[in-house]
Every structure is written in C-alpha cells, then in structure tokens.
Amino acid sequence: MAKAPRPKESFETAIAELEEIVRQMESGEAGLEQSLEQYQRGVELVRQCRGALDGAEQRIRQLQDGVLVDIAPTGDDTAER
C-alpha cells in the first residue's frame, strides 16, 4: 500500500527537518534502508523548499512590477527610521 503524501510544512520547518536529516546521514547513525528513506524524504523537502522560494521570488517580482521603488538617496533619511 502506498504511503499518503505528507502535508506541506512551513519553509522553516522543512529546512529544520532537512538539516536534521543531513546531520543524521553525516553521522552514519542510520543503516542503509533508513538512509535511503531519509534521502528520499530529503529530496521531497528540497523540492518543497525550492517551490516555496520560487513562489516568493515570483511574488517579489509582482510587487516590483506593481510598485515603483525609489532607491535613490533623497538626502532626508529620517522618514525611514
């Protein structure tokens, strides 16, 4: 029977889980089968994180296209504080 897909975690949660998987794999704590399962989970997490980053990048582009961003210094930076 196939496993049900896991719900997507937040980006931060996915990164933390990925870091833990890397730590465990680097330590050699797991056997071959568990390492393969961890590797598979790691690939899922990397894809999820990449999708989240791509989505964030797309949102930033949309915001930049819709809003004129004035980055030239005006000489009066007190309004930014």
C-alpha atoms as a PDB file:
ATOM      1  CA  MET A   1       0.000   0.000   0.000  1.00  0.00           C
ATOM      2  CA  ALA A   2       1.380   3.429  -0.980  1.00  0.00           C
ATOM      3  CA  LYS A   3       2.020   5.983   1.715  1.00  0.00           C
ATOM      4  CA  ALA A   4      -0.246   9.017   1.773  1.00  0.00           C
ATOM      5  CA  PRO A   5       1.598  12.216   0.928  1.00  0.00           C
ATOM      6  CA  ARG A   6       2.608  14.272   3.933  1.00  0.00           C
ATOM      7  CA  PRO A   7       1.097  17.710   4.327  1.00  0.00           C
ATOM      8  CA  LYS A   8       3.464  20.542   3.434  1.00  0.00           C
ATOM      9  CA  GLU A   9       5.270  22.097   6.349  1.00  0.00           C
ATOM     10  CA  SER A  10       6.263  25.721   6.574  1.00  0.00           C
ATOM     11  CA  PHE A  11       9.502  26.622   4.838  1.00  0.00           C
ATOM     12  CA  GLU A  12      11.278  26.988   8.188  1.00  0.00           C
ATOM     13  CA  THR A  13      10.023  23.621   9.444  1.00  0.00           C
ATOM     14  CA  ALA A  14      11.077  21.916   6.212  1.00  0.00           C
ATOM     15  CA  ILE A  15      14.565  23.435   6.413  1.00  0.00           C
ATOM     16  CA  ALA A  16      14.938  22.323  10.046  1.00  0.00           C
ATOM     17  CA  GLU A  17      13.898  18.770   9.151  1.00  0.00           C
ATOM     18  CA  LEU A  18      16.277  18.758   6.199  1.00  0.00           C
ATOM     19  CA  GLU A  19      19.147  19.903   8.427  1.00  0.00           C
ATOM     20  CA  GLU A  20      18.361  17.094  10.876  1.00  0.00           C
ATOM     21  CA  ILE A  21      18.326  14.522   8.064  1.00  0.00           C
ATOM     22  CA  VAL A  22      21.717  15.767   6.843  1.00  0.00           C
ATOM     23  CA  ARG A  23      23.122  15.608  10.383  1.00  0.00           C
ATOM     24  CA  GLN A  24      21.909  12.023  10.855  1.00  0.00           C
ATOM     25  CA  MET A  25      23.191  10.899   7.471  1.00  0.00           C
ATOM     26  CA  GLU A  26      26.596  12.507   8.024  1.00  0.00           C
ATOM     27  CA  SER A  27      26.915  10.864  11.427  1.00  0.00           C
ATOM     28  CA  GLY A  28      26.421   7.384   9.992  1.00  0.00           C
ATOM     29  CA  GLU A  29      23.824   6.586  12.694  1.00  0.00           C
ATOM     30  CA  ALA A  30      21.374   5.007  10.253  1.00  0.00           C
ATOM     31  CA  GLY A  31      21.578   1.779   8.325  1.00  0.00           C
ATOM     32  CA  LEU A  32      21.283   1.547   4.558  1.00  0.00           C
ATOM     33  CA  GLU A  33      17.483   1.250   4.388  1.00  0.00           C
ATOM     34  CA  GLN A  34      16.906   4.104   6.819  1.00  0.00           C
ATOM     35  CA  SER A  35      19.479   6.221   4.975  1.00  0.00           C
ATOM     36  CA  LEU A  36      17.630   5.626   1.702  1.00  0.00           C
ATOM     37  CA  GLU A  37      14.337   6.645   3.323  1.00  0.00           C
ATOM     38  CA  GLN A  38      15.985   9.749   4.765  1.00  0.00           C
ATOM     39  CA  TYR A  39      17.482  10.590   1.394  1.00  0.00           C
ATOM     40  CA  GLN A  40      14.070  10.254  -0.253  1.00  0.00           C
ATOM     41  CA  ARG A  41      12.499  12.486   2.389  1.00  0.00           C
ATOM     42  CA  GLY A  42      15.331  14.968   1.918  1.00  0.00           C
ATOM     43  CA  VAL A  43      14.636  15.131  -1.827  1.00  0.00           C
ATOM     44  CA  GLU A  44      10.946  15.811  -1.079  1.00  0.00           C
ATOM     45  CA  LEU A  45      11.904  18.592   1.328  1.00  0.00           C
ATOM     46  CA  VAL A  46      14.361  20.173  -1.122  1.00  0.00           C
ATOM     47  CA  ARG A  47      11.665  20.221  -3.813  1.00  0.00           C
ATOM     48  CA  GLN A  48       9.182  21.741  -1.379  1.00  0.00           C
ATOM     49  CA  CYS A  49      11.660  24.425  -0.282  1.00  0.00           C
ATOM     50  CA  ARG A  50      12.637  25.185  -3.874  1.00  0.00           C
ATOM     51  CA  GLY A  51       8.948  25.634  -4.716  1.00  0.00           C
ATOM     52  CA  ALA A  52       8.471  27.963  -1.762  1.00  0.00           C
ATOM     53  CA  LEU A  53      11.498  30.033  -2.781  1.00  0.00           C
ATOM     54  CA  ASP A  54      10.334  30.168  -6.397  1.00  0.00           C
ATOM     55  CA  GLY A  55       6.905  31.323  -5.213  1.00  0.00           C
ATOM     56  CA  ALA A  56       8.430  34.013  -3.021  1.00  0.00           C
ATOM     57  CA  GLU A  57      10.605  35.201  -5.897  1.00  0.00           C
ATOM     58  CA  GLN A  58       7.561  35.407  -8.158  1.00  0.00           C
ATOM     59  CA  ARG A  59       5.652  37.421  -5.545  1.00  0.00           C
ATOM     60  CA  ILE A  60       8.589  39.824  -5.198  1.00  0.00           C
ATOM     61  CA  ARG A  61       8.686  40.325  -8.964  1.00  0.00           C
ATOM     62  CA  GLN A  62       4.948  41.025  -8.999  1.00  0.00           C
ATOM     63  CA  LEU A  63       5.358  43.559  -6.216  1.00  0.00           C
ATOM     64  CA  GLN A  64       8.250  45.231  -8.004  1.00  0.00           C
ATOM     65  CA  ASP A  65       6.221  45.424 -11.214  1.00  0.00           C
ATOM     66  CA  GLY A  66       3.264  46.962  -9.402  1.00  0.00           C
ATOM     67  CA  VAL A  67       5.110  49.368  -7.132  1.00  0.00           C
ATOM     68  CA  LEU A  68       7.663  51.966  -8.109  1.00  0.00           C
ATOM     69  CA  VAL A  69      10.547  51.509  -5.710  1.00  0.00           C
ATOM     70  CA  ASP A  70      12.613  54.640  -5.180  1.00  0.00           C
ATOM     71  CA  ILE A  71      16.047  53.535  -4.034  1.00  0.00           C
ATOM     72  CA  ALA A  72      17.858  56.769  -4.885  1.00  0.00           C
ATOM     73  CA  PRO A  73      19.002  58.653  -1.793  1.00  0.00           C
ATOM     74  CA  THR A  74      16.903  61.734  -1.090  1.00  0.00           C
ATOM     75  CA  GLY A  75      19.183  63.281   1.473  1.00  0.00           C
ATOM     76  CA  ASP A  76      16.491  63.045   4.163  1.00  0.00           C
ATOM     77  CA  ASP A  77      16.615  59.546   5.603  1.00  0.00           C
ATOM     78  CA  THR A  78      14.749  60.419   8.800  1.00  0.00           C
ATOM     79  CA  ALA A  79      11.486  59.175   7.301  1.00  0.00           C
ATOM     80  CA  GLU A  80      12.924  55.653   7.093  1.00  0.00           C
ATOM     81  CA  ARG A  81      13.622  55.480  10.818  1.00  0.00           C
END
